Amino acid sequence: MQTRPRHIHIQMPDNKLLDVTYYCSDLKLLENERNDHTQLFIQLDDCICTLKIDKSVCGQPDILEKIVHNKVIISRGHLC
């Protein structure tokens, strides 16, 4: 299962605006993990971060955006 890439803008606490791309794909997961999980790929500039999430979350854009937003804020805009 792979979703189309989505682009969002995230405003950091210092008011800097970051352009972030994210999508889901389970191609790199083990066969036995693909039924229940997928990977969320978050790209910021040249850095890509991956998170393993429940497959049911991929169909809920609001939750995905919240996960992406929180990850970028927590990492202070440095995913690498």
Protein backbone atom coordinates (compact mmCIF):
# COMPACT_ATOMS: atom_id res chain seq x y z
CA MET A 1 0.00 0.00 0.00
CA GLN A 2 1.41 3.35 -0.99
CA THR A 3 -0.22 6.75 -0.69
CA ARG A 4 0.39 9.83 -2.81
CA PRO A 5 2.87 12.32 -1.40
CA ARG A 6 1.29 15.23 0.45
CA HIS A 7 2.84 18.60 1.18
CA ILE A 8 2.18 20.70 4.26
CA HIS A 9 3.68 23.79 5.83
CA ILE A 10 4.62 23.63 9.49
CA GLN A 11 5.22 26.74 11.54
CA MET A 12 7.99 26.23 14.05
CA PRO A 13 8.01 27.88 17.50
CA ASP A 14 10.48 30.50 16.16
CA ASN A 15 7.92 31.37 13.40
CA LYS A 16 10.04 29.72 10.69
CA LEU A 17 7.84 28.04 8.05
CA LEU A 18 8.96 24.58 6.86
CA ASP A 19 7.72 22.76 3.74
CA VAL A 20 7.30 19.07 4.59
CA THR A 21 6.39 16.15 2.32
CA TYR A 22 5.03 12.86 3.66
CA TYR A 23 3.60 9.59 2.36
CA CYS A 24 2.95 6.00 3.48
CA SER A 25 4.48 2.87 1.98
CA ASP A 26 4.84 -0.71 3.17
CA LEU A 27 7.27 -1.87 0.47
CA LYS A 28 10.26 -1.98 2.84
CA LEU A 29 8.49 -3.85 5.64
CA LEU A 30 8.73 -7.57 6.24
CA GLU A 31 5.91 -9.65 4.75
CA ASN A 32 4.42 -10.48 8.17
CA GLU A 33 4.31 -6.77 9.15
CA ARG A 34 2.52 -5.55 6.01
CA ASN A 35 -0.94 -6.68 7.13
CA ASP A 36 -1.10 -4.38 10.14
CA HIS A 37 1.62 -1.75 9.68
CA THR A 38 3.03 0.67 7.17
CA GLN A 39 5.86 3.17 7.17
CA LEU A 40 5.31 6.90 7.26
CA PHE A 41 8.04 8.71 5.31
CA ILE A 42 8.59 12.34 6.29
CA GLN A 43 10.85 14.45 4.09
CA LEU A 44 12.22 17.84 5.09
CA ASP A 45 14.82 19.32 2.75
CA ASP A 46 17.25 16.45 2.04
CA CYS A 47 16.44 14.45 5.18
CA ILE A 48 13.96 11.59 5.33
CA CYS A 49 12.62 10.11 8.55
CA THR A 50 10.54 6.92 8.74
CA LEU A 51 8.08 5.84 11.40
CA LYS A 52 6.25 2.53 11.61
CA ILE A 53 2.54 3.18 12.14
CA ASP A 54 -0.71 1.23 12.08
CA LYS A 55 -2.06 0.82 8.56
CA SER A 56 -5.47 2.14 9.64
CA VAL A 57 -3.94 5.59 10.25
CA CYS A 58 -3.06 6.05 6.54
CA GLY A 59 -6.70 6.65 5.69
CA GLN A 60 -7.01 9.43 8.27
CA PRO A 61 -5.27 12.57 6.94
CA ASP A 62 -5.89 14.60 10.09
CA ILE A 63 -4.10 12.08 12.28
CA LEU A 64 -1.24 11.72 9.77
CA GLU A 65 -0.71 15.47 9.65
CA LYS A 66 -0.70 15.62 13.44
CA ILE A 67 1.96 12.88 13.60
CA VAL A 68 4.09 14.68 10.99
CA HIS A 69 3.65 18.03 12.70
CA ASN A 70 4.62 16.65 16.11
CA LYS A 71 7.66 14.80 14.74
CA VAL A 72 9.00 17.91 12.98
CA ILE A 73 8.39 20.16 16.02
CA ILE A 74 9.98 17.66 18.43
CA SER A 75 13.03 17.26 16.20
CA ARG A 76 13.27 21.07 15.91
CA GLY A 77 13.21 20.83 12.12
CA HIS A 78 16.24 18.52 11.92
CA LEU A 79 15.10 15.03 10.89
CA CYS A 80 18.63 13.77 10.11
